[in-house]
Amino acid sequence: MRIPRIIHQTWKTAELPADLAALQATWQALHPHWQYRLWTDSDNRALIAEHEPWFLPIYDGYQQPICRVDAARYFILKHHGGVYIDLDFECVRPLDAALEGHGMVIGLEPQAHTELEHIRSHGVDVLLCPSFIACTSDHPFWAQVEKGLVQYHQTSDPLEATGPLLLSRLYQRLSNKSAVHLLPAEMLYPISKFDCWDRLLNDPGFKAKVIAAPEVLGIHHWHLQLPALGIQIPDSPIEAAPLPSILILTPLKNARAYLPRYVEKLLSLDYPSDRLSLALLESDSSDGSFEWLQQQRATLEKRFRKVQLIKRDFGFQLNDVRWARALQRQRRSVLAKSRNALLQAALGDEQFVLWLDIDVSDYPANVFQQLLATGKEIVLPHCVDGSGMTFDLNTFCFKDPAKGDSASALCDGLYQPSVGEGRWYLQDMREPLVKVDAVGGTMLLVNADLHRDGLNFPSFPYRHYIETEGLAMMAKDMGYSCWALRTLEIVHPRVA
C-alpha cells in the first residue's frame, strides 16, 4: 500500500507566525501535486473525540501541551496516513523517492543527540524523531504506539511520555523491525539542535554546504523544542539564506505571437526582483518581435534588476519543417551560436543562468525555487505538451549507458535516432529527481560559474551531439552531471 501524498502539520490556530509560514511554504513548493492540511489544536481534539474517545481523558490530562501535540500527530496518521512534519522543518528536496516501497518511514536523530546522558540512560540504541513520520493509514505500528501512550502517560518527561524516547522504545520491541523504515539522520536532521541554537543556519555559507549534500531532504531547525525545554525563542525570526541571483536568457526569432504570454509568465514569477535579471537576443525576425519587446522594456525594467535587449542576425531562414533531420545540424548550430552570443553579452555577476524558450506557455510561479532546491549545478524541469506527455525529447537517458546511441542513428554527423530508439524520456521514468545523459533548453538552470569556466553550447558536432545535447556531453567531460526534476512540469504547446 502506498503512503498517501498528503502533508499534515499542526499549530495552535490557523494563523502561523511569519517565520514558520516561510518554512511551511517550502513543503508546498516542492510538493505542488500533494494535498496539504494544517491541523489546529481544536481540530486535533475533535479528531480524538470522534475517533478515539477512549483516549480523551489521557489527552486532556497531559500537563504539557507538547504531549497533546505529539499524541495528536500519531492519531492523525493512524486515520489519514501521509506525512506529518513539524512546522520548524524546511524542505530541501521532494520526498517521493524516499517513501517508495515503504509502509512507514521515520527519521533518526543525529548521533550527538543519542549520546546525551539523558538519552543513554534509557538504554535506546537509536533515537527515532517524531518530527517527521510518513506512513499508510492503520499501519500496525500504531497499535504499539497506543499501548505505549497508555503505559507512559503519567511520565513527567515529554520525551518518554509521547516523544522520541517513546517511539524508540516501541521500535526496539518490534519483532519485525523491517515494518518501520528508518532514514539516516543525514537525510532529515543533517545538523544537531545545538548547532541550530548556535544559529549556524543563519550563515549562508554553512547552510549552502548543508543543502548541497545530495542526500539531504530537509532541515529541522529545532525551533519548537525551545519552549518545551524552558529556553526563550530569540526575537529575530528564522533567517533563510538569501536567494541566489538569476539571469534569465532567451533567444528568439519570429516570436511575436508568443511574446505576450512569455512576458505575462515572467511578471507572475514568485522571486525577488532584485535577484532577477533578463536578457533576450532576437535574430532574423520579420514579424516585429524586437520592436514589440522595445515597447515592453519599461514594464520589464520595473520587475527586473537589469534588462538587456540584444539584436543579432545570423542570416538563417527555415524553408522546411523545423524538425526535418536534414535541417538539424544547420538549425541547431545557429541556435547554439545565438545562445553563446547571448551568454557572452549578458552574463554579469549572476550566480545562476536560467535558459527559457520563448514559447513555453506555463510553469509554476515558484519554479525557480523548486529547481534551486535540488542543489544541482545543471537541472531542468519536465517539459510536457498540453496532454501531459513529454515534449522535450532532447532530455533523455540512454537505455544502455555503456553503448549510448547506435552508430546507425548518425545523420549529418549527429545522432538522430527515431523516438524511443535507445533512449528513455522523462515520461518513462519514476524517480522524482533523475540524472540524465542529455538536456533540452526549454527551461534549463545552470550554475553560472560553469559557463564562466567554458561550458557552452557547441555549434558543431561534439561527440556527435550539438547545442543543448552537446552542452550535456561537455558538462560530463568537465566532471558535472545533468539532472531533471521529473515531478516539476512546465508546458510547451506542440507546433509544426
Protein backbone atom coordinates (compact mmCIF):
# COMPACT_ATOMS: atom_id res chain seq x y z
CA MET A 1 0.00 0.00 0.00
CA ARG A 2 1.39 3.42 -1.00
CA ILE A 3 1.90 6.18 1.55
CA PRO A 4 -0.74 8.84 0.73
CA ARG A 5 0.62 12.05 -0.79
CA ILE A 6 -0.68 14.43 1.87
CA ILE A 7 1.31 16.61 4.27
CA HIS A 8 -0.02 17.18 7.79
CA GLN A 9 1.21 19.94 10.11
CA THR A 10 -0.21 21.31 13.35
CA TRP A 11 -0.35 24.69 15.07
CA LYS A 12 -2.38 26.35 17.82
CA THR A 13 -4.55 28.23 15.34
CA ALA A 14 -4.82 28.69 11.57
CA GLU A 15 -2.62 31.80 11.77
CA LEU A 16 1.09 30.98 11.62
CA PRO A 17 3.98 33.21 12.70
CA ALA A 18 5.84 34.58 9.67
CA ASP A 19 8.99 32.52 10.25
CA LEU A 20 7.06 29.25 10.43
CA ALA A 21 4.89 30.19 7.46
CA ALA A 22 8.07 30.63 5.41
CA LEU A 23 9.19 27.11 6.30
CA GLN A 24 5.69 25.73 5.69
CA ALA A 25 5.79 27.14 2.16
CA THR A 26 8.90 25.12 1.29
CA TRP A 27 6.96 21.85 1.59
CA GLN A 28 4.11 23.07 -0.57
CA ALA A 29 6.51 24.47 -3.17
CA LEU A 30 8.36 21.19 -3.63
CA HIS A 31 5.20 19.05 -3.49
CA PRO A 32 2.79 21.01 -5.71
CA HIS A 33 0.62 18.00 -6.52
CA TRP A 34 0.29 16.80 -2.90
CA GLN A 35 -2.60 17.58 -0.61
CA TYR A 36 -1.86 19.75 2.42
CA ARG A 37 -3.65 20.17 5.75
CA LEU A 38 -2.86 22.35 8.72
CA TRP A 39 -4.47 21.00 11.89
CA THR A 40 -5.27 23.37 14.75
CA ASP A 41 -5.45 22.43 18.43
CA SER A 42 -9.24 22.33 18.20
CA ASP A 43 -9.03 20.12 15.08
CA ASN A 44 -6.76 17.71 16.94
CA ARG A 45 -9.06 17.36 19.91
CA ALA A 46 -12.10 16.94 17.66
CA LEU A 47 -10.37 14.09 15.80
CA ILE A 48 -9.64 12.25 19.03
CA ALA A 49 -13.12 12.91 20.43
CA GLU A 50 -14.71 11.48 17.28
CA HIS A 51 -12.45 8.52 16.51
CA GLU A 52 -10.60 7.74 19.76
CA PRO A 53 -12.91 8.82 22.62
CA TRP A 54 -11.29 6.27 24.94
CA PHE A 55 -8.07 8.33 24.79
CA LEU A 56 -9.67 11.71 25.52
CA PRO A 57 -9.16 11.60 29.33
CA ILE A 58 -5.44 10.94 28.83
CA TYR A 59 -5.22 13.60 26.12
CA ASP A 60 -6.91 16.26 28.22
CA GLY A 61 -4.92 15.21 31.28
CA TYR A 62 -1.47 15.89 29.82
CA GLN A 63 0.21 18.61 31.87
CA GLN A 64 2.43 19.77 28.99
CA PRO A 65 0.92 20.92 25.67
CA ILE A 66 3.72 19.26 23.68
CA CYS A 67 2.38 15.87 24.78
CA ARG A 68 -1.00 16.63 23.22
CA VAL A 69 0.72 17.74 20.02
CA ASP A 70 2.77 14.52 19.91
CA ALA A 71 -0.23 12.28 20.56
CA ALA A 72 -2.41 14.11 18.03
CA ARG A 73 0.08 13.53 15.20
CA TYR A 74 0.00 9.79 15.84
CA PHE A 75 -3.77 9.62 15.59
CA ILE A 76 -3.83 11.89 12.52
CA LEU A 77 -1.50 9.47 10.75
CA LYS A 78 -3.34 6.41 12.01
CA HIS A 79 -6.60 7.60 10.46
CA HIS A 80 -5.40 9.50 7.39
CA GLY A 81 -1.90 8.29 6.57
CA GLY A 82 0.50 10.61 4.76
CA VAL A 83 3.43 12.62 6.11
CA TYR A 84 3.47 14.52 9.38
CA ILE A 85 6.12 17.27 9.55
CA ASP A 86 6.86 19.73 12.33
CA LEU A 87 6.43 23.35 11.31
CA ASP A 88 10.06 24.20 12.13
CA PHE A 89 11.18 21.90 9.30
CA GLU A 90 12.47 23.23 5.97
CA CYS A 91 12.07 21.21 2.79
CA VAL A 92 15.13 20.89 0.56
CA ARG A 93 14.11 18.17 -1.91
CA PRO A 94 10.92 16.25 -2.80
CA LEU A 95 10.09 13.22 -0.63
CA ASP A 96 8.61 10.84 -3.20
CA ALA A 97 11.65 8.65 -3.81
CA ALA A 98 12.39 8.20 -0.09
CA LEU A 99 8.85 6.94 0.56
CA GLU A 100 8.50 4.46 -2.29
CA GLY A 101 8.19 0.83 -1.24
CA HIS A 102 7.70 1.56 2.45
CA GLY A 103 4.65 1.50 4.72
CA MET A 104 6.22 3.65 7.43
CA VAL A 105 9.24 5.97 7.35
CA ILE A 106 10.75 7.70 10.38
CA GLY A 107 13.99 9.67 10.58
CA LEU A 108 16.76 9.08 13.09
CA GLU A 109 18.03 11.95 15.20
CA PRO A 110 21.72 12.94 14.96
CA GLN A 111 24.23 10.82 16.82
CA ALA A 112 25.04 13.82 19.03
CA HIS A 113 21.52 13.56 20.48
CA THR A 114 21.73 9.80 21.06
CA GLU A 115 24.95 10.26 23.04
CA LEU A 116 23.37 12.67 25.54
CA GLU A 117 23.47 11.21 29.05
CA HIS A 118 19.70 11.63 29.48
CA ILE A 119 19.12 9.54 26.36
CA ARG A 120 21.81 6.94 27.03
CA SER A 121 20.41 6.29 30.50
CA HIS A 122 17.24 4.90 28.90
CA GLY A 123 19.13 2.22 27.00
CA VAL A 124 17.96 3.06 23.48
CA ASP A 125 20.31 2.18 20.63
CA VAL A 126 18.76 4.54 18.09
CA LEU A 127 16.67 7.65 18.60
CA LEU A 128 13.57 7.96 16.41
CA CYS A 129 12.33 11.51 15.94
CA PRO A 130 8.57 12.19 15.74
CA SER A 131 9.14 15.48 13.90
CA PHE A 132 8.86 13.61 10.58
CA ILE A 133 6.76 10.47 10.18
CA ALA A 134 5.32 9.05 6.97
CA CYS A 135 3.01 6.06 6.85
CA THR A 136 -0.02 4.36 5.44
CA SER A 137 -3.24 4.66 7.42
CA ASP A 138 -3.82 1.94 10.04
CA HIS A 139 -0.17 0.86 9.97
CA PRO A 140 0.32 -1.93 12.58
CA PHE A 141 2.91 0.13 14.47
CA TRP A 142 0.14 2.44 15.68
CA ALA A 143 -1.32 -0.36 17.82
CA GLN A 144 2.02 -0.47 19.67
CA VAL A 145 2.06 3.32 19.98
CA GLU A 146 -1.40 3.35 21.54
CA LYS A 147 -0.27 0.86 24.18
CA GLY A 148 2.82 2.96 24.83
CA LEU A 149 0.82 6.15 25.21
CA VAL A 150 -1.28 4.45 27.90
CA GLN A 151 1.72 2.85 29.61
CA TYR A 152 3.74 6.07 29.91
CA HIS A 153 1.02 8.72 30.10
CA GLN A 154 1.80 9.62 33.72
CA THR A 155 5.52 10.10 33.00
CA SER A 156 6.52 13.71 33.58
CA ASP A 157 9.15 13.82 30.82
CA PRO A 158 7.51 14.52 27.40
CA LEU A 159 10.36 12.69 25.64
CA GLU A 160 9.32 9.50 27.45
CA ALA A 161 5.56 10.05 27.51
CA THR A 162 4.95 10.90 23.86
CA GLY A 163 8.21 11.85 22.16
CA PRO A 164 11.43 10.33 20.79
CA LEU A 165 12.12 8.02 23.73
CA LEU A 166 8.61 6.54 23.49
CA LEU A 167 8.97 5.85 19.76
CA SER A 168 12.46 4.46 20.18
CA ARG A 169 11.44 2.05 22.96
CA LEU A 170 8.46 0.82 20.97
CA TYR A 171 10.61 0.31 17.89
CA GLN A 172 13.10 -1.77 19.86
CA ARG A 173 10.24 -4.04 20.98
CA LEU A 174 9.16 -4.80 17.41
CA SER A 175 9.76 -8.37 16.32
CA ASN A 176 9.64 -7.26 12.66
CA LYS A 177 11.67 -4.08 12.55
CA SER A 178 11.57 -4.00 8.76
CA ALA A 179 7.96 -2.76 9.09
CA VAL A 180 9.43 0.65 10.01
CA HIS A 181 11.97 2.09 7.59
CA LEU A 182 14.49 4.35 9.32
CA LEU A 183 16.09 7.20 7.40
CA PRO A 184 19.65 8.10 8.46
CA ALA A 185 19.99 11.39 10.29
CA GLU A 186 21.84 12.96 7.35
CA MET A 187 18.65 12.96 5.27
CA LEU A 188 16.34 14.89 7.63
CA TYR A 189 18.45 16.06 10.56
CA PRO A 190 21.79 16.97 8.95
CA ILE A 191 22.71 19.28 11.83
CA SER A 192 22.08 18.92 15.54
CA LYS A 193 19.79 21.06 17.64
CA PHE A 194 22.85 22.52 19.34
CA ASP A 195 24.20 23.81 16.03
CA CYS A 196 20.77 25.26 15.24
CA TRP A 197 20.57 27.02 18.57
CA ASP A 198 24.05 28.41 17.91
CA ARG A 199 22.48 29.98 14.77
CA LEU A 200 24.79 28.27 12.31
CA LEU A 201 21.93 28.14 9.80
CA ASN A 202 21.97 31.94 9.69
CA ASP A 203 25.38 31.67 8.00
CA PRO A 204 24.55 31.41 4.24
CA GLY A 205 27.81 29.60 3.52
CA PHE A 206 27.21 26.98 6.19
CA LYS A 207 23.62 26.41 5.09
CA ALA A 208 24.63 26.20 1.43
CA LYS A 209 27.03 23.37 2.24
CA VAL A 210 24.29 21.51 4.13
CA ILE A 211 21.81 21.87 1.26
CA ALA A 212 24.41 20.86 -1.34
CA ALA A 213 24.65 17.34 0.10
CA PRO A 214 22.53 15.27 -2.33
CA GLU A 215 21.03 13.06 0.37
CA VAL A 216 19.50 15.95 2.34
CA LEU A 217 15.70 16.07 2.03
CA GLY A 218 15.01 18.58 4.78
CA ILE A 219 16.50 20.60 7.62
CA HIS A 220 14.96 20.58 11.07
CA HIS A 221 15.51 23.96 12.72
CA TRP A 222 14.66 22.55 16.17
CA HIS A 223 12.85 25.82 16.85
CA LEU A 224 9.71 24.49 18.50
CA GLN A 225 11.69 22.49 21.06
CA LEU A 226 12.93 25.63 22.75
CA PRO A 227 9.79 26.47 24.76
CA ALA A 228 9.39 22.85 25.85
CA LEU A 229 12.91 22.97 27.27
CA GLY A 230 12.37 26.29 29.01
CA ILE A 231 14.53 28.21 26.53
CA GLN A 232 13.29 31.57 25.23
CA ILE A 233 12.78 31.80 21.49
CA PRO A 234 15.05 34.52 20.03
CA ASP A 235 13.24 37.70 18.98
CA SER A 236 14.58 37.52 15.43
CA PRO A 237 12.87 35.02 13.14
CA ILE A 238 14.49 32.06 11.47
CA GLU A 239 16.59 33.60 8.74
CA ALA A 240 16.65 31.99 5.34
CA ALA A 241 19.77 32.29 3.23
CA PRO A 242 19.26 34.92 0.50
CA LEU A 243 18.07 33.51 -2.78
CA PRO A 244 20.79 33.39 -5.43
CA SER A 245 20.76 35.87 -8.29
CA ILE A 246 19.49 34.51 -11.62
CA LEU A 247 19.93 35.72 -15.18
CA ILE A 248 17.07 34.64 -17.48
CA LEU A 249 18.28 34.20 -21.06
CA THR A 250 16.00 33.75 -24.07
CA PRO A 251 17.00 33.64 -27.74
CA LEU A 252 14.09 34.24 -30.11
CA LYS A 253 13.09 34.55 -33.74
CA ASN A 254 9.71 35.43 -35.27
CA ALA A 255 8.15 35.08 -31.82
CA ARG A 256 5.67 37.96 -31.83
CA ALA A 257 2.72 35.58 -31.25
CA TYR A 258 4.36 34.12 -28.12
CA LEU A 259 5.71 37.29 -26.53
CA PRO A 260 2.59 38.46 -24.59
CA ARG A 261 2.31 35.12 -22.78
CA TYR A 262 6.07 34.99 -22.24
CA VAL A 263 6.02 38.40 -20.54
CA GLU A 264 2.87 37.57 -18.57
CA LYS A 265 4.52 34.49 -17.06
CA LEU A 266 7.73 36.34 -16.27
CA LEU A 267 5.79 39.01 -14.39
CA SER A 268 4.00 36.32 -12.35
CA LEU A 269 7.21 34.77 -11.01
CA ASP A 270 7.39 34.49 -7.23
CA TYR A 271 11.04 35.52 -7.00
CA PRO A 272 12.58 38.73 -5.62
CA SER A 273 13.00 41.40 -8.28
CA ASP A 274 16.43 42.39 -7.01
CA ARG A 275 17.65 38.83 -7.63
CA LEU A 276 16.44 38.56 -11.25
CA SER A 277 17.94 39.87 -14.49
CA LEU A 278 16.64 39.35 -18.01
CA ALA A 279 18.29 39.33 -21.44
CA LEU A 280 16.83 38.42 -24.83
CA LEU A 281 18.56 38.09 -28.17
CA GLU A 282 16.41 38.46 -31.29
CA SER A 283 17.67 37.37 -34.69
CA ASP A 284 16.39 37.25 -38.27
CA SER A 285 12.75 38.07 -37.41
CA SER A 286 10.28 39.50 -39.89
CA ASP A 287 7.26 39.83 -37.57
CA GLY A 288 8.20 42.81 -35.42
CA SER A 289 9.37 40.79 -32.42
CA PHE A 290 12.22 43.13 -31.50
CA GLU A 291 10.07 46.26 -31.88
CA TRP A 292 7.38 44.78 -29.60
CA LEU A 293 10.00 43.96 -26.95
CA GLN A 294 11.32 47.51 -27.07
CA GLN A 295 7.82 48.77 -26.34
CA GLN A 296 7.65 46.50 -23.25
CA ARG A 297 11.05 47.46 -21.92
CA ALA A 298 9.78 49.97 -19.35
CA THR A 299 7.38 47.37 -17.93
CA LEU A 300 10.12 44.77 -17.70
CA GLU A 301 12.57 47.17 -16.06
CA LYS A 302 10.12 47.65 -13.17
CA ARG A 303 10.23 43.90 -12.46
CA PHE A 304 13.87 43.01 -13.10
CA ARG A 305 17.15 44.25 -11.69
CA LYS A 306 18.57 44.52 -15.21
CA VAL A 307 17.04 44.15 -18.70
CA GLN A 308 19.02 43.73 -21.93
CA LEU A 309 17.53 43.53 -25.42
CA ILE A 310 20.07 42.41 -28.00
CA LYS A 311 19.74 42.29 -31.78
CA ARG A 312 21.97 40.00 -33.85
CA ASP A 313 21.15 38.38 -37.18
CA PHE A 314 22.65 35.13 -38.44
CA GLY A 315 21.10 35.13 -41.91
CA PHE A 316 19.28 31.83 -41.40
CA GLN A 317 15.74 31.14 -42.56
CA LEU A 318 13.87 27.82 -42.45
CA ASN A 319 12.44 26.60 -45.71
CA ASP A 320 11.14 23.30 -44.39
CA VAL A 321 9.59 21.73 -41.27
CA ARG A 322 11.81 22.66 -38.32
CA TRP A 323 12.12 19.01 -37.17
CA ALA A 324 13.36 17.64 -40.52
CA ARG A 325 16.54 15.63 -39.89
CA ALA A 326 18.39 17.19 -42.81
CA LEU A 327 17.99 20.63 -41.19
CA GLN A 328 19.03 19.77 -37.63
CA ARG A 329 22.75 20.38 -37.90
CA GLN A 330 22.34 23.80 -39.50
CA ARG A 331 19.29 24.84 -37.45
CA ARG A 332 20.75 23.86 -34.11
CA SER A 333 24.18 25.24 -34.98
CA VAL A 334 22.61 28.67 -35.47
CA LEU A 335 20.63 28.27 -32.23
CA ALA A 336 23.83 27.34 -30.38
CA LYS A 337 25.59 30.41 -31.77
CA SER A 338 22.63 32.53 -30.69
CA ARG A 339 22.74 31.11 -27.16
CA ASN A 340 26.50 31.60 -26.88
CA ALA A 341 26.32 35.17 -28.18
CA LEU A 342 23.56 35.98 -25.70
CA LEU A 343 25.50 34.42 -22.83
CA GLN A 344 28.68 36.29 -23.71
CA ALA A 345 26.91 39.62 -24.00
CA ALA A 346 24.63 39.41 -20.97
CA LEU A 347 26.27 37.43 -18.14
CA GLY A 348 27.41 39.67 -15.32
CA ASP A 349 27.65 38.85 -11.63
CA GLU A 350 24.67 36.48 -11.51
CA GLN A 351 25.03 33.16 -9.70
CA PHE A 352 22.76 31.11 -11.99
CA VAL A 353 21.63 31.25 -15.59
CA LEU A 354 18.09 30.19 -16.44
CA TRP A 355 17.59 29.37 -20.12
CA LEU A 356 13.95 29.81 -21.10
CA ASP A 357 12.39 29.17 -24.50
CA ILE A 358 10.12 31.90 -25.79
CA ASP A 359 7.23 29.51 -26.47
CA VAL A 360 7.00 27.86 -23.05
CA SER A 361 3.41 28.69 -22.10
CA ASP A 362 3.04 27.69 -18.47
CA TYR A 363 5.05 26.97 -15.32
CA PRO A 364 4.58 27.41 -11.55
CA ALA A 365 5.33 30.83 -10.08
CA ASN A 366 7.91 29.23 -7.76
CA VAL A 367 9.57 27.18 -10.50
CA PHE A 368 12.99 28.74 -9.84
CA GLN A 369 12.84 27.93 -6.13
CA GLN A 370 11.95 24.32 -6.92
CA LEU A 371 14.86 23.93 -9.30
CA LEU A 372 17.29 25.58 -6.90
CA ALA A 373 16.12 23.35 -4.06
CA THR A 374 17.55 20.30 -5.83
CA GLY A 375 21.03 21.65 -5.13
CA LYS A 376 22.20 20.60 -8.61
CA GLU A 377 24.61 22.53 -10.85
CA ILE A 378 22.60 21.73 -14.00
CA VAL A 379 18.91 20.90 -13.67
CA LEU A 380 15.72 21.23 -15.67
CA PRO A 381 12.01 20.54 -15.16
CA HIS A 382 9.85 18.08 -17.10
CA CYS A 383 8.64 19.87 -20.22
CA VAL A 384 5.30 18.42 -21.33
CA ASP A 385 2.78 19.24 -24.02
CA GLY A 386 -0.84 20.15 -23.38
CA SER A 387 -1.78 16.49 -22.90
CA GLY A 388 0.88 15.86 -20.24
CA MET A 389 3.19 13.83 -22.49
CA THR A 390 6.89 14.64 -22.63
CA PHE A 391 7.55 17.40 -25.15
CA ASP A 392 11.28 17.83 -24.72
CA LEU A 393 12.88 14.75 -26.33
CA ASN A 394 16.35 16.28 -26.11
CA THR A 395 16.30 15.34 -22.43
CA PHE A 396 16.93 11.62 -22.17
CA CYS A 397 18.77 8.73 -20.54
CA PHE A 398 20.45 6.05 -22.59
CA LYS A 399 18.75 2.68 -22.34
CA ASP A 400 22.23 1.15 -22.41
CA PRO A 401 24.61 3.68 -20.80
CA ALA A 402 27.64 1.63 -21.83
CA LYS A 403 26.73 1.81 -25.51
CA GLY A 404 24.88 5.10 -25.80
CA ASP A 405 23.37 5.84 -29.19
CA SER A 406 23.84 3.45 -32.08
CA ALA A 407 26.13 4.37 -34.96
CA SER A 408 23.23 3.55 -37.26
CA ALA A 409 21.45 6.64 -35.89
CA LEU A 410 24.12 9.03 -37.23
CA CYS A 411 22.80 11.55 -39.74
CA ASP A 412 24.84 14.52 -40.95
CA GLY A 413 27.35 13.94 -38.16
CA LEU A 414 24.75 13.93 -35.38
CA TYR A 415 22.98 11.14 -33.53
CA GLN A 416 19.34 11.41 -34.63
CA PRO A 417 17.61 8.15 -33.68
CA SER A 418 13.90 7.55 -34.02
CA VAL A 419 11.81 8.42 -30.96
CA GLY A 420 12.47 5.83 -28.27
CA GLU A 421 15.37 4.18 -30.12
CA GLY A 422 17.96 3.60 -27.41
CA ARG A 423 16.63 6.38 -25.20
CA TRP A 424 14.32 6.79 -22.20
CA TYR A 425 12.45 10.07 -21.78
CA LEU A 426 11.15 11.63 -18.58
CA GLN A 427 7.66 10.20 -19.09
CA ASP A 428 9.25 6.73 -18.92
CA MET A 429 10.85 7.32 -15.52
CA ARG A 430 9.54 7.18 -11.97
CA GLU A 431 12.22 8.76 -9.77
CA PRO A 432 11.36 12.39 -8.93
CA LEU A 433 14.95 13.57 -9.49
CA VAL A 434 16.71 11.83 -12.38
CA LYS A 435 20.31 12.00 -13.60
CA VAL A 436 20.07 12.39 -17.38
CA ASP A 437 22.53 11.94 -20.22
CA ALA A 438 21.34 14.92 -22.28
CA VAL A 439 19.24 18.04 -21.79
CA GLY A 440 16.92 20.26 -23.76
CA GLY A 441 16.70 24.01 -23.41
CA THR A 442 13.01 24.79 -22.93
CA MET A 443 13.94 25.65 -19.34
CA LEU A 444 17.41 24.88 -18.05
CA LEU A 445 19.10 26.11 -14.87
CA VAL A 446 22.91 26.23 -14.93
CA ASN A 447 25.33 27.38 -12.28
CA ALA A 448 26.84 30.48 -13.88
CA ASP A 449 30.35 29.52 -12.83
CA LEU A 450 30.17 26.53 -15.17
CA HIS A 451 29.53 28.88 -18.07
CA ARG A 452 32.39 31.07 -16.87
CA ASP A 453 34.63 28.00 -16.84
CA GLY A 454 33.88 27.38 -20.51
CA LEU A 455 30.66 25.34 -20.60
CA ASN A 456 28.72 26.44 -23.66
CA PHE A 457 26.53 25.18 -26.48
CA PRO A 458 28.61 23.50 -29.21
CA SER A 459 27.69 24.87 -32.63
CA PHE A 460 29.37 21.85 -34.25
CA PRO A 461 29.14 18.11 -33.54
CA TYR A 462 30.68 17.49 -30.11
CA ARG A 463 30.92 13.72 -29.68
CA HIS A 464 28.17 13.71 -32.37
CA TYR A 465 25.85 15.96 -30.33
CA ILE A 466 25.10 19.65 -30.76
CA GLU A 467 23.61 22.63 -28.90
CA THR A 468 21.89 21.61 -25.61
CA GLU A 469 22.72 17.92 -26.01
CA GLY A 470 26.30 18.93 -26.78
CA LEU A 471 26.33 21.06 -23.61
CA ALA A 472 25.38 17.98 -21.57
CA MET A 473 28.21 15.97 -23.11
CA MET A 474 30.66 18.80 -22.49
CA ALA A 475 29.47 19.10 -18.87
CA LYS A 476 30.13 15.40 -18.37
CA ASP A 477 33.65 15.82 -19.73
CA MET A 478 34.12 18.68 -17.26
CA GLY A 479 33.07 16.41 -14.39
CA TYR A 480 29.47 17.60 -13.92
CA SER A 481 26.15 15.76 -14.14
CA CYS A 482 22.84 16.92 -15.53
CA TRP A 483 19.59 16.36 -13.66
CA ALA A 484 15.86 16.54 -14.30
CA LEU A 485 13.19 17.22 -11.68
CA ARG A 486 10.56 14.98 -13.24
CA THR A 487 7.79 15.97 -10.84
CA LEU A 488 8.10 19.66 -11.77
CA GLU A 489 6.19 20.19 -15.01
CA ILE A 490 6.22 23.09 -17.44
CA VAL A 491 4.12 23.28 -20.60
CA HIS A 492 5.23 23.78 -24.18
CA PRO A 493 2.49 23.64 -26.84
CA ARG A 494 3.11 21.43 -29.85
CA VAL A 495 3.62 23.38 -33.06
CA ALA A 496 4.63 22.37 -36.57
